[in-house]
Amino acid sequence: MADIIRFIAAIMNEIHDIIMNAAVHLGLQATDKDLHLWIIGIIGILSFFIVHFIFKRLAKWSITIISFIYTFTLILVLVFAIEIQQGITGRGNMEFQDAVVGIYGFLLFFAIYVIYRIISFAIRRASTKKAKAGRTRRSP
């Protein structure tokens, strides 16, 4: 896990240096904080537009998928925050596999929830069809 974090940090450092050098070559008098404002702001607003477009389409089908995506994102942040905290404090072992297993746990419990919802839907649908069939047979 520590190696993965170092690898990601190295990539981010390279991107940071490229952006800083590009700013210097363009003659911008931007500080590191100025670049963070602009780069994260641009990435954030572009991400928002993409996510908003996708979620508007998904909301036409079901709000459950949006809830799943939001919760899955929260779980990703949480499991990696826990692993990083373990690495920093030395309490527990910082392992990538722990994060993966935690994510699998969420997916397992969500799958159980989906199966429950499918069974509930099927039962409701079957009982509705029986009620409609009973009403049509009684009518003269």
C-alpha atoms as a PDB file:
ATOM      1  CA  MET A   1       0.000   0.000   0.000  1.00  0.00           C
ATOM      2  CA  ALA A   2       2.799   2.411   0.878  1.00  0.00           C
ATOM      3  CA  ASP A   3       4.426   1.719  -2.495  1.00  0.00           C
ATOM      4  CA  ILE A   4       1.179   2.480  -4.321  1.00  0.00           C
ATOM      5  CA  ILE A   5       0.789   5.766  -2.430  1.00  0.00           C
ATOM      6  CA  ARG A   6       4.414   6.685  -3.216  1.00  0.00           C
ATOM      7  CA  PHE A   7       3.852   5.848  -6.888  1.00  0.00           C
ATOM      8  CA  ILE A   8       0.698   8.004  -7.054  1.00  0.00           C
ATOM      9  CA  ALA A   9       2.514  10.796  -5.194  1.00  0.00           C
ATOM     10  CA  ALA A  10       5.391  10.603  -7.705  1.00  0.00           C
ATOM     11  CA  ILE A  11       2.949  10.916 -10.610  1.00  0.00           C
ATOM     12  CA  MET A  12       1.222  13.868  -8.955  1.00  0.00           C
ATOM     13  CA  ASN A  13       4.603  15.528  -8.300  1.00  0.00           C
ATOM     14  CA  GLU A  14       5.536  15.154 -11.976  1.00  0.00           C
ATOM     15  CA  ILE A  15       2.226  16.660 -13.077  1.00  0.00           C
ATOM     16  CA  HIS A  16       2.737  19.477 -10.557  1.00  0.00           C
ATOM     17  CA  ASP A  17       6.208  20.213 -11.948  1.00  0.00           C
ATOM     18  CA  ILE A  18       4.926  20.198 -15.539  1.00  0.00           C
ATOM     19  CA  ILE A  19       2.181  22.683 -14.664  1.00  0.00           C
ATOM     20  CA  MET A  20       4.596  24.904 -12.705  1.00  0.00           C
ATOM     21  CA  ASN A  21       7.088  24.896 -15.605  1.00  0.00           C
ATOM     22  CA  ALA A  22       4.307  25.639 -18.111  1.00  0.00           C
ATOM     23  CA  ALA A  23       3.200  28.594 -15.969  1.00  0.00           C
ATOM     24  CA  VAL A  24       6.770  29.950 -15.907  1.00  0.00           C
ATOM     25  CA  HIS A  25       7.170  29.511 -19.687  1.00  0.00           C
ATOM     26  CA  LEU A  26       3.872  31.337 -20.237  1.00  0.00           C
ATOM     27  CA  GLY A  27       5.158  34.194 -18.116  1.00  0.00           C
ATOM     28  CA  LEU A  28       2.546  33.774 -15.425  1.00  0.00           C
ATOM     29  CA  GLN A  29       3.440  35.162 -12.030  1.00  0.00           C
ATOM     30  CA  ALA A  30       1.450  32.433 -10.310  1.00  0.00           C
ATOM     31  CA  THR A  31       2.275  31.006  -6.922  1.00  0.00           C
ATOM     32  CA  ASP A  32       1.716  27.382  -6.052  1.00  0.00           C
ATOM     33  CA  LYS A  33      -1.522  28.403  -4.308  1.00  0.00           C
ATOM     34  CA  ASP A  34      -2.708  30.335  -7.380  1.00  0.00           C
ATOM     35  CA  LEU A  35      -2.158  27.262  -9.546  1.00  0.00           C
ATOM     36  CA  HIS A  36      -4.020  25.070  -7.052  1.00  0.00           C
ATOM     37  CA  LEU A  37      -6.946  27.483  -7.209  1.00  0.00           C
ATOM     38  CA  TRP A  38      -7.058  27.406 -11.010  1.00  0.00           C
ATOM     39  CA  ILE A  39      -6.231  23.750 -11.668  1.00  0.00           C
ATOM     40  CA  ILE A  40      -8.464  22.253  -8.971  1.00  0.00           C
ATOM     41  CA  GLY A  41     -11.191  24.766  -9.821  1.00  0.00           C
ATOM     42  CA  ILE A  42     -11.118  23.801 -13.505  1.00  0.00           C
ATOM     43  CA  ILE A  43     -10.944  20.057 -12.767  1.00  0.00           C
ATOM     44  CA  GLY A  44     -13.778  20.453 -10.254  1.00  0.00           C
ATOM     45  CA  ILE A  45     -16.153  22.356 -12.522  1.00  0.00           C
ATOM     46  CA  LEU A  46     -15.495  20.059 -15.501  1.00  0.00           C
ATOM     47  CA  SER A  47     -16.104  17.050 -13.249  1.00  0.00           C
ATOM     48  CA  PHE A  48     -19.312  18.655 -11.993  1.00  0.00           C
ATOM     49  CA  PHE A  49     -20.648  19.139 -15.530  1.00  0.00           C
ATOM     50  CA  ILE A  50     -19.855  15.546 -16.474  1.00  0.00           C
ATOM     51  CA  VAL A  51     -21.312  14.111 -13.262  1.00  0.00           C
ATOM     52  CA  HIS A  52     -24.388  16.341 -13.495  1.00  0.00           C
ATOM     53  CA  PHE A  53     -25.035  15.232 -17.083  1.00  0.00           C
ATOM     54  CA  ILE A  54     -24.671  11.539 -16.158  1.00  0.00           C
ATOM     55  CA  PHE A  55     -26.737  11.799 -12.971  1.00  0.00           C
ATOM     56  CA  LYS A  56     -29.585  13.616 -14.753  1.00  0.00           C
ATOM     57  CA  ARG A  57     -29.783  10.688 -17.170  1.00  0.00           C
ATOM     58  CA  LEU A  58     -29.558   8.103 -14.382  1.00  0.00           C
ATOM     59  CA  ALA A  59     -32.231   9.869 -12.292  1.00  0.00           C
ATOM     60  CA  LYS A  60     -34.744   9.147 -15.056  1.00  0.00           C
ATOM     61  CA  TRP A  61     -34.297   5.435 -14.341  1.00  0.00           C
ATOM     62  CA  SER A  62     -33.698   5.276 -10.598  1.00  0.00           C
ATOM     63  CA  ILE A  63     -32.323   7.376  -7.784  1.00  0.00           C
ATOM     64  CA  THR A  64     -30.847   4.165  -6.308  1.00  0.00           C
ATOM     65  CA  ILE A  65     -27.976   4.161  -8.816  1.00  0.00           C
ATOM     66  CA  ILE A  66     -27.069   7.715  -7.837  1.00  0.00           C
ATOM     67  CA  SER A  67     -27.146   6.750  -4.162  1.00  0.00           C
ATOM     68  CA  PHE A  68     -24.934   3.757  -4.958  1.00  0.00           C
ATOM     69  CA  ILE A  69     -22.379   5.853  -6.858  1.00  0.00           C
ATOM     70  CA  TYR A  70     -22.220   8.454  -4.086  1.00  0.00           C
ATOM     71  CA  THR A  71     -21.893   5.801  -1.369  1.00  0.00           C
ATOM     72  CA  PHE A  72     -19.295   3.845  -3.351  1.00  0.00           C
ATOM     73  CA  THR A  73     -17.241   7.034  -3.737  1.00  0.00           C
ATOM     74  CA  LEU A  74     -17.553   7.695  -0.014  1.00  0.00           C
ATOM     75  CA  ILE A  75     -16.433   4.130   0.753  1.00  0.00           C
ATOM     76  CA  LEU A  76     -13.396   4.496  -1.554  1.00  0.00           C
ATOM     77  CA  VAL A  77     -12.316   7.646   0.270  1.00  0.00           C
ATOM     78  CA  LEU A  78     -12.989   6.063   3.665  1.00  0.00           C
ATOM     79  CA  VAL A  79     -11.055   2.819   3.111  1.00  0.00           C
ATOM     80  CA  PHE A  80      -8.021   4.633   1.732  1.00  0.00           C
ATOM     81  CA  ALA A  81      -8.165   7.235   4.510  1.00  0.00           C
ATOM     82  CA  ILE A  82      -8.164   4.411   7.071  1.00  0.00           C
ATOM     83  CA  GLU A  83      -5.199   2.714   5.399  1.00  0.00           C
ATOM     84  CA  ILE A  84      -3.247   5.975   5.146  1.00  0.00           C
ATOM     85  CA  GLN A  85      -4.030   6.736   8.795  1.00  0.00           C
ATOM     86  CA  GLN A  86      -2.722   3.287   9.752  1.00  0.00           C
ATOM     87  CA  GLY A  87       0.472   3.961   7.815  1.00  0.00           C
ATOM     88  CA  ILE A  88       0.999   7.365   9.419  1.00  0.00           C
ATOM     89  CA  THR A  89       0.241   6.318  12.994  1.00  0.00           C
ATOM     90  CA  GLY A  90       1.678   2.812  12.823  1.00  0.00           C
ATOM     91  CA  ARG A  91      -1.526   1.397  14.343  1.00  0.00           C
ATOM     92  CA  GLY A  92      -2.483  -1.536  12.164  1.00  0.00           C
ATOM     93  CA  ASN A  93      -0.953  -2.558   8.862  1.00  0.00           C
ATOM     94  CA  MET A  94      -1.291  -0.294   5.847  1.00  0.00           C
ATOM     95  CA  GLU A  95      -2.147  -2.755   3.067  1.00  0.00           C
ATOM     96  CA  PHE A  96      -3.832  -2.229  -0.287  1.00  0.00           C
ATOM     97  CA  GLN A  97      -5.572  -5.593   0.091  1.00  0.00           C
ATOM     98  CA  ASP A  98      -7.337  -4.332   3.249  1.00  0.00           C
ATOM     99  CA  ALA A  99      -8.850  -1.494   1.211  1.00  0.00           C
ATOM    100  CA  VAL A 100      -9.912  -3.914  -1.535  1.00  0.00           C
ATOM    101  CA  VAL A 101     -11.548  -6.275   0.970  1.00  0.00           C
ATOM    102  CA  GLY A 102     -13.388  -3.351   2.565  1.00  0.00           C
ATOM    103  CA  ILE A 103     -14.746  -2.349  -0.839  1.00  0.00           C
ATOM    104  CA  TYR A 104     -15.754  -5.968  -1.501  1.00  0.00           C
ATOM    105  CA  GLY A 105     -17.631  -5.893   1.817  1.00  0.00           C
ATOM    106  CA  PHE A 106     -19.686  -2.922   0.692  1.00  0.00           C
ATOM    107  CA  LEU A 107     -20.365  -4.537  -2.701  1.00  0.00           C
ATOM    108  CA  LEU A 108     -21.431  -7.776  -0.984  1.00  0.00           C
ATOM    109  CA  PHE A 109     -23.891  -6.045   1.331  1.00  0.00           C
ATOM    110  CA  PHE A 110     -25.187  -3.899  -1.529  1.00  0.00           C
ATOM    111  CA  ALA A 111     -25.730  -7.040  -3.626  1.00  0.00           C
ATOM    112  CA  ILE A 112     -27.757  -8.530  -0.749  1.00  0.00           C
ATOM    113  CA  TYR A 113     -29.818  -5.327  -0.659  1.00  0.00           C
ATOM    114  CA  VAL A 114     -30.408  -5.465  -4.430  1.00  0.00           C
ATOM    115  CA  ILE A 115     -31.498  -9.118  -4.235  1.00  0.00           C
ATOM    116  CA  TYR A 116     -33.906  -8.218  -1.425  1.00  0.00           C
ATOM    117  CA  ARG A 117     -35.325  -5.346  -3.522  1.00  0.00           C
ATOM    118  CA  ILE A 118     -35.736  -7.616  -6.571  1.00  0.00           C
ATOM    119  CA  ILE A 119     -37.554 -10.271  -4.518  1.00  0.00           C
ATOM    120  CA  SER A 120     -39.783  -7.625  -2.893  1.00  0.00           C
ATOM    121  CA  PHE A 121     -40.599  -6.144  -6.301  1.00  0.00           C
ATOM    122  CA  ALA A 122     -41.415  -9.574  -7.740  1.00  0.00           C
ATOM    123  CA  ILE A 123     -43.721 -10.403  -4.816  1.00  0.00           C
ATOM    124  CA  ARG A 124     -45.517  -7.049  -5.080  1.00  0.00           C
ATOM    125  CA  ARG A 125     -45.924  -7.449  -8.819  1.00  0.00           C
ATOM    126  CA  ALA A 126     -47.261 -10.994  -8.476  1.00  0.00           C
ATOM    127  CA  SER A 127     -49.767  -9.973  -5.791  1.00  0.00           C
ATOM    128  CA  THR A 128     -50.916  -7.003  -7.903  1.00  0.00           C
ATOM    129  CA  LYS A 129     -51.498  -9.290 -10.903  1.00  0.00           C
ATOM    130  CA  LYS A 130     -53.495 -11.729  -8.724  1.00  0.00           C
ATOM    131  CA  ALA A 131     -55.627  -8.883  -7.370  1.00  0.00           C
ATOM    132  CA  LYS A 132     -56.344  -7.578 -10.882  1.00  0.00           C
ATOM    133  CA  ALA A 133     -57.157 -11.092 -12.120  1.00  0.00           C
ATOM    134  CA  GLY A 134     -59.553 -11.623  -9.194  1.00  0.00           C
ATOM    135  CA  ARG A 135     -61.356  -8.352  -9.912  1.00  0.00           C
ATOM    136  CA  THR A 136     -61.817  -9.099 -13.614  1.00  0.00           C
ATOM    137  CA  ARG A 137     -63.282 -12.595 -12.943  1.00  0.00           C
ATOM    138  CA  ARG A 138     -65.840 -11.234 -10.469  1.00  0.00           C
ATOM    139  CA  SER A 139     -67.082  -8.501 -12.799  1.00  0.00           C
ATOM    140  CA  PRO A 140     -70.107  -9.507 -14.952  1.00  0.00           C
END
